[in-house]
Amino acid sequence: MRAVNRIIKFGVKEINEEKLLDFLDTSGLPEPDLIIRTSGEKRTSGFMPFQSTYAEWYFADVHFPDFDACELKKAVEDFAKRKRNFGK
């Protein structure tokens, strides 16, 4: 909503995907390749819905305070095994 409100504020008349990306809070940052969801929850909670279109999700059973280097290694190893097709 902040992005849409900024677009309105700046008087942009025509919008496309690139223009929307310019107004997001994450403008200028690369889109994520991997998103890690801790606590055993199997939902995304609406996290970065536009930017995470082609991201891979990893669901860890541990809560965030217990997500240590060993857990990160598991997530990265899992990600490395995946064949990404970017929506194809």
Protein backbone atom coordinates (compact mmCIF):
# COMPACT_ATOMS: atom_id res chain seq x y z
CA MET A 1 0.00 0.00 0.00
CA ARG A 2 2.88 2.37 0.72
CA ALA A 3 4.12 1.89 -2.83
CA VAL A 4 0.68 2.62 -4.30
CA ASN A 5 0.30 5.70 -2.14
CA ARG A 6 3.72 6.96 -3.26
CA ILE A 7 2.77 6.37 -6.90
CA ILE A 8 -0.38 8.44 -6.39
CA LYS A 9 1.58 11.14 -4.53
CA PHE A 10 4.09 11.42 -7.39
CA GLY A 11 1.26 11.66 -9.92
CA VAL A 12 2.28 8.65 -11.98
CA LYS A 13 -0.45 8.14 -14.59
CA GLU A 14 0.66 4.86 -16.15
CA ILE A 15 2.02 1.94 -14.18
CA ASN A 16 3.72 -1.29 -15.12
CA GLU A 17 5.68 -3.94 -13.22
CA GLU A 18 8.95 -2.03 -13.46
CA LYS A 19 7.36 1.19 -12.19
CA LEU A 20 5.78 -0.63 -9.24
CA LEU A 21 9.17 -2.14 -8.35
CA ASP A 22 10.61 1.39 -8.30
CA PHE A 23 8.19 2.42 -5.56
CA LEU A 24 8.44 -0.63 -3.29
CA ASP A 25 10.38 -0.35 -0.02
CA THR A 26 12.84 -2.85 -1.48
CA SER A 27 13.55 -0.78 -4.60
CA GLY A 28 17.13 -1.25 -5.75
CA LEU A 29 17.56 -4.55 -3.90
CA PRO A 30 17.74 -7.88 -5.74
CA GLU A 31 14.76 -10.20 -5.49
CA PRO A 32 15.33 -13.03 -2.99
CA ASP A 33 16.37 -16.47 -4.25
CA LEU A 34 15.65 -18.22 -0.95
CA ILE A 35 13.26 -17.32 1.85
CA ILE A 36 13.51 -19.22 5.11
CA ARG A 37 10.40 -19.59 7.27
CA THR A 38 11.11 -20.74 10.81
CA SER A 39 8.92 -22.16 13.61
CA GLY A 40 7.45 -25.03 11.60
CA GLU A 41 4.77 -22.82 10.08
CA LYS A 42 3.88 -23.76 6.49
CA ARG A 43 2.57 -20.38 5.39
CA THR A 44 4.15 -17.30 3.93
CA SER A 45 2.12 -14.75 5.93
CA GLY A 46 2.06 -12.44 2.91
CA PHE A 47 5.81 -11.82 3.12
CA MET A 48 7.09 -9.91 0.09
CA PRO A 49 4.42 -11.33 -2.26
CA PHE A 50 5.54 -9.33 -5.29
CA GLN A 51 9.30 -9.77 -4.82
CA SER A 52 9.16 -13.46 -3.94
CA THR A 53 7.41 -14.66 -7.08
CA TYR A 54 10.33 -16.90 -8.10
CA ALA A 55 11.91 -17.37 -4.68
CA GLU A 56 12.35 -20.82 -3.24
CA TRP A 57 10.89 -21.36 0.23
CA TYR A 58 12.50 -23.39 2.99
CA PHE A 59 10.41 -24.25 6.03
CA ALA A 60 12.45 -24.97 9.16
CA ASP A 61 10.90 -26.69 12.15
CA VAL A 62 12.96 -24.69 14.67
CA HIS A 63 12.00 -21.29 16.05
CA PHE A 64 14.11 -18.32 15.00
CA PRO A 65 16.19 -18.08 18.21
CA ASP A 66 17.33 -21.66 17.60
CA PHE A 67 18.03 -21.15 13.89
CA ASP A 68 21.81 -21.43 14.01
CA ALA A 69 24.64 -22.04 11.53
CA CYS A 70 23.78 -25.74 11.35
CA GLU A 71 20.16 -24.96 10.43
CA LEU A 72 21.32 -22.42 7.84
CA LYS A 73 23.60 -25.04 6.32
CA LYS A 74 20.60 -27.39 5.99
CA ALA A 75 18.61 -24.69 4.23
CA VAL A 76 21.42 -23.84 1.82
CA GLU A 77 22.07 -27.50 1.04
CA ASP A 78 18.37 -28.04 0.36
CA PHE A 79 18.31 -24.98 -1.89
CA ALA A 80 21.38 -26.20 -3.81
CA LYS A 81 19.55 -29.43 -4.73
CA ARG A 82 16.60 -27.67 -6.31
CA LYS A 83 16.11 -27.19 -10.02
CA ARG A 84 14.76 -23.69 -10.48
CA ASN A 85 12.55 -22.97 -13.48
CA PHE A 86 11.42 -19.40 -12.73
CA GLY A 87 7.80 -20.05 -13.66
CA LYS A 88 8.41 -22.01 -16.86
